[in-house]
Amino acid sequence: MTNFIKKFTCFSIIGILFLTACGPLKPKKVDLRETPVDARERARKNIEEGRGVGIGTVMGGKGTTYEFSTSNPLWRASLETLDFIPMATVDYSGGIIITDWYSDTNTNDSLKITVRFLSNTVEAASLKIIVHKKNCKPTENCQVNILTSNIKQELARAILTKAAVLDKEQNKTKK
């Protein structure tokens, strides 16, 4: 009997702690003057405000859309444009591509390119490109600076041009 009482006490204490951990539930205050009395009007208002479920949302109206990287022309164009450079980070869900340090010849200078995707639309405002230049001399430490040259604009132009072509091809196949 003592064992039963110990278990019962332990479970009841855990239950009380679990129920009180969330705090007291307070009902949401509602102004009845703004809430329609008729059930159909309330349902229509809820759907207009984006609450509740309607036939359109269940049958594929408003819902979450999933887009794969292969269907995003801006993403594909960026990867195709930068395919000659080894990649350090490629994260579609994070919207970023970072290349590894790249040097065309055996010079002391190398470049690293970062492409950030601000939106999926094919326009110049959708991309933020940063080019870093690393200069390493044999007798000194390396210096890394953000490069302010035409490379950034040329990359953006090449990516956007290729993305526009891919987007046009993609729209043709949808029709």
Foldseek 3Di string as FASTA:
>chain_A
DVVVVVVVVVVVVVVVCVVPVVPDDDDDDDDVVPADPDPVVNVVVCVVVVHDDDPCVVVPHDDDDDDDLVLQLLSVLLCVLPVVFAWDDDDVVQQKTKTDWDDPDPAQKTKIKMWGAQDRDLDLVRIDIWIKMWGDDPVDHIDIDTDDDCPRVVSSVSSSVRSVVVVVVSVVVVD
